[in-house]
Amino acid sequence: MNDLTWKEFERVDVRVGTILSAEEFKEAIKPAIKMTIDFGEKIGIKKSSAQITDHYNPQSLVGMQVAAVINFPNKQIGPFMSECLVTGFTQPDGSIILAVPQKGALNGSRLA
């Protein structure tokens, strides 16, 4: 694996946001959840889809803060346009555990 420079890392804009709403993504080929996430006044609200149904259901996500990459291009997933990439950690069984702040953080705060 090639080392990443600090300048390259700084280009990845990871921010914290609060999930406002979540619902089952019924049209997805693999089980997924659609989310609306508030990244604060400066960034605003973005939508995302994530294959996180092994450990989460839509109701458990509302109000949770998550870390997401907000500067990837939008991605069309079936009938849904994903505007950010919610981050998590892949487990040995392939399931995902979300990357979340240990304490409440200001929406829009950047990963340092």
C-alpha atoms as a PDB file:
ATOM      1  CA  MET A   1       0.000   0.000   0.000  1.00  0.00           C
ATOM      2  CA  ASN A   2       1.365   3.432  -0.922  1.00  0.00           C
ATOM      3  CA  ASP A   3       1.604   6.057   1.777  1.00  0.00           C
ATOM      4  CA  LEU A   4      -0.809   8.951   1.536  1.00  0.00           C
ATOM      5  CA  THR A   5       0.514  12.477   1.794  1.00  0.00           C
ATOM      6  CA  TRP A   6      -1.002  14.925   4.272  1.00  0.00           C
ATOM      7  CA  LYS A   7      -2.080  17.104   1.347  1.00  0.00           C
ATOM      8  CA  GLU A   8      -3.963  14.161  -0.198  1.00  0.00           C
ATOM      9  CA  PHE A   9      -5.665  13.367   3.123  1.00  0.00           C
ATOM     10  CA  GLU A  10      -6.790  16.974   3.525  1.00  0.00           C
ATOM     11  CA  ARG A  11      -8.759  16.698   0.271  1.00  0.00           C
ATOM     12  CA  VAL A  12     -11.115  14.136   1.872  1.00  0.00           C
ATOM     13  CA  ASP A  13     -13.769  16.245   3.604  1.00  0.00           C
ATOM     14  CA  VAL A  14     -15.209  14.142   6.439  1.00  0.00           C
ATOM     15  CA  ARG A  15     -17.889  15.929   8.477  1.00  0.00           C
ATOM     16  CA  VAL A  16     -20.244  15.003  11.281  1.00  0.00           C
ATOM     17  CA  GLY A  17     -23.978  15.225  10.751  1.00  0.00           C
ATOM     18  CA  THR A  18     -27.158  14.239  12.554  1.00  0.00           C
ATOM     19  CA  ILE A  19     -29.572  11.814  10.893  1.00  0.00           C
ATOM     20  CA  LEU A  20     -32.947  13.547  10.583  1.00  0.00           C
ATOM     21  CA  SER A  21     -34.835  10.724   8.901  1.00  0.00           C
ATOM     22  CA  ALA A  22     -34.186   7.173   7.769  1.00  0.00           C
ATOM     23  CA  GLU A  23     -36.192   4.606   5.856  1.00  0.00           C
ATOM     24  CA  GLU A  24     -35.782   1.226   4.264  1.00  0.00           C
ATOM     25  CA  PHE A  25     -34.475   1.502   0.687  1.00  0.00           C
ATOM     26  CA  LYS A  26     -36.984  -0.923  -0.839  1.00  0.00           C
ATOM     27  CA  GLU A  27     -35.739  -0.512  -4.424  1.00  0.00           C
ATOM     28  CA  ALA A  28     -32.104  -1.359  -3.571  1.00  0.00           C
ATOM     29  CA  ILE A  29     -30.689  -4.649  -4.818  1.00  0.00           C
ATOM     30  CA  LYS A  30     -28.890  -5.239  -1.489  1.00  0.00           C
ATOM     31  CA  PRO A  31     -30.640  -4.310   1.783  1.00  0.00           C
ATOM     32  CA  ALA A  32     -29.968  -0.652   2.558  1.00  0.00           C
ATOM     33  CA  ILE A  33     -31.283   2.365   4.429  1.00  0.00           C
ATOM     34  CA  LYS A  34     -31.860   5.844   2.940  1.00  0.00           C
ATOM     35  CA  MET A  35     -30.996   8.719   5.268  1.00  0.00           C
ATOM     36  CA  THR A  36     -31.381  12.488   5.370  1.00  0.00           C
ATOM     37  CA  ILE A  37     -28.494  14.044   7.320  1.00  0.00           C
ATOM     38  CA  ASP A  38     -28.097  17.579   8.718  1.00  0.00           C
ATOM     39  CA  PHE A  39     -24.521  18.875   8.348  1.00  0.00           C
ATOM     40  CA  GLY A  40     -25.261  22.295   9.825  1.00  0.00           C
ATOM     41  CA  GLU A  41     -26.060  25.689   8.414  1.00  0.00           C
ATOM     42  CA  LYS A  42     -22.994  26.074   6.159  1.00  0.00           C
ATOM     43  CA  ILE A  43     -23.237  22.659   4.433  1.00  0.00           C
ATOM     44  CA  GLY A  44     -26.936  21.936   4.805  1.00  0.00           C
ATOM     45  CA  ILE A  45     -28.878  18.699   4.466  1.00  0.00           C
ATOM     46  CA  LYS A  46     -27.635  15.809   2.337  1.00  0.00           C
ATOM     47  CA  LYS A  47     -29.019  12.373   1.479  1.00  0.00           C
ATOM     48  CA  SER A  48     -27.203   9.061   1.629  1.00  0.00           C
ATOM     49  CA  SER A  49     -27.843   5.349   1.295  1.00  0.00           C
ATOM     50  CA  ALA A  50     -25.916   2.735   3.257  1.00  0.00           C
ATOM     51  CA  GLN A  51     -25.918  -1.058   3.490  1.00  0.00           C
ATOM     52  CA  ILE A  52     -26.078  -1.091   7.280  1.00  0.00           C
ATOM     53  CA  THR A  53     -29.164  -3.221   7.922  1.00  0.00           C
ATOM     54  CA  ASP A  54     -27.265  -5.942   9.815  1.00  0.00           C
ATOM     55  CA  HIS A  55     -26.827  -3.698  12.865  1.00  0.00           C
ATOM     56  CA  TYR A  56     -29.277  -0.830  12.362  1.00  0.00           C
ATOM     57  CA  ASN A  57     -32.906  -0.209  11.548  1.00  0.00           C
ATOM     58  CA  PRO A  58     -34.287   3.131  10.372  1.00  0.00           C
ATOM     59  CA  GLN A  59     -35.860   4.007  13.719  1.00  0.00           C
ATOM     60  CA  SER A  60     -32.585   3.463  15.626  1.00  0.00           C
ATOM     61  CA  LEU A  61     -30.713   5.875  13.333  1.00  0.00           C
ATOM     62  CA  VAL A  62     -32.833   9.012  13.751  1.00  0.00           C
ATOM     63  CA  GLY A  63     -30.954  11.468  15.974  1.00  0.00           C
ATOM     64  CA  MET A  64     -27.647   9.597  15.665  1.00  0.00           C
ATOM     65  CA  GLN A  65     -24.567  11.499  14.569  1.00  0.00           C
ATOM     66  CA  VAL A  66     -22.393   9.955  11.840  1.00  0.00           C
ATOM     67  CA  ALA A  67     -19.184  10.784  10.007  1.00  0.00           C
ATOM     68  CA  ALA A  68     -19.560  11.186   6.239  1.00  0.00           C
ATOM     69  CA  VAL A  69     -17.449  12.198   3.272  1.00  0.00           C
ATOM     70  CA  ILE A  70     -19.218  15.183   1.747  1.00  0.00           C
ATOM     71  CA  ASN A  71     -16.970  15.988  -1.223  1.00  0.00           C
ATOM     72  CA  PHE A  72     -17.427  12.905  -3.399  1.00  0.00           C
ATOM     73  CA  PRO A  73     -19.515  13.408  -6.543  1.00  0.00           C
ATOM     74  CA  ASN A  74     -23.192  12.517  -6.176  1.00  0.00           C
ATOM     75  CA  LYS A  75     -23.933   8.881  -6.985  1.00  0.00           C
ATOM     76  CA  GLN A  76     -27.139   7.560  -8.541  1.00  0.00           C
ATOM     77  CA  ILE A  77     -28.279   4.374  -6.772  1.00  0.00           C
ATOM     78  CA  GLY A  78     -31.377   3.158  -8.602  1.00  0.00           C
ATOM     79  CA  PRO A  79     -34.019   5.870  -8.195  1.00  0.00           C
ATOM     80  CA  PHE A  80     -32.052   7.561  -5.365  1.00  0.00           C
ATOM     81  CA  MET A  81     -29.286  10.188  -5.593  1.00  0.00           C
ATOM     82  CA  SER A  82     -26.719   9.773  -2.804  1.00  0.00           C
ATOM     83  CA  GLU A  83     -24.996  13.061  -1.919  1.00  0.00           C
ATOM     84  CA  CYS A  84     -22.474  11.883   0.678  1.00  0.00           C
ATOM     85  CA  LEU A  85     -20.759   8.698   1.866  1.00  0.00           C
ATOM     86  CA  VAL A  86     -21.585   7.665   5.417  1.00  0.00           C
ATOM     87  CA  THR A  87     -18.512   5.955   6.879  1.00  0.00           C
ATOM     88  CA  GLY A  88     -18.200   2.774   8.888  1.00  0.00           C
ATOM     89  CA  PHE A  89     -15.994  -0.173   9.689  1.00  0.00           C
ATOM     90  CA  THR A  90     -16.329  -3.497   7.874  1.00  0.00           C
ATOM     91  CA  GLN A  91     -16.576  -6.471  10.221  1.00  0.00           C
ATOM     92  CA  PRO A  92     -15.306 -10.017   9.438  1.00  0.00           C
ATOM     93  CA  ASP A  93     -18.844 -11.071   8.443  1.00  0.00           C
ATOM     94  CA  GLY A  94     -19.097  -8.164   5.965  1.00  0.00           C
ATOM     95  CA  SER A  95     -21.462  -6.113   8.113  1.00  0.00           C
ATOM     96  CA  ILE A  96     -20.817  -2.422   8.785  1.00  0.00           C
ATOM     97  CA  ILE A  97     -20.508  -0.618  12.126  1.00  0.00           C
ATOM     98  CA  LEU A  98     -21.012   3.139  11.658  1.00  0.00           C
ATOM     99  CA  ALA A  99     -18.233   5.612  12.475  1.00  0.00           C
ATOM    100  CA  VAL A 100     -19.771   7.927  15.076  1.00  0.00           C
ATOM    101  CA  PRO A 101     -18.374  10.576  17.445  1.00  0.00           C
ATOM    102  CA  GLN A 102     -18.044   9.435  21.054  1.00  0.00           C
ATOM    103  CA  LYS A 103     -19.629  12.682  22.264  1.00  0.00           C
ATOM    104  CA  GLY A 104     -22.048  15.053  20.579  1.00  0.00           C
ATOM    105  CA  ALA A 105     -20.312  17.243  18.015  1.00  0.00           C
ATOM    106  CA  LEU A 106     -21.426  20.378  16.212  1.00  0.00           C
ATOM    107  CA  ASN A 107     -23.043  19.402  12.912  1.00  0.00           C
ATOM    108  CA  GLY A 108     -20.623  20.177  10.092  1.00  0.00           C
ATOM    109  CA  SER A 109     -17.503  19.737  12.246  1.00  0.00           C
ATOM    110  CA  ARG A 110     -14.611  18.458  10.155  1.00  0.00           C
ATOM    111  CA  LEU A 111     -12.580  15.368  10.987  1.00  0.00           C
ATOM    112  CA  ALA A 112      -9.184  16.522  12.233  1.00  0.00           C
END
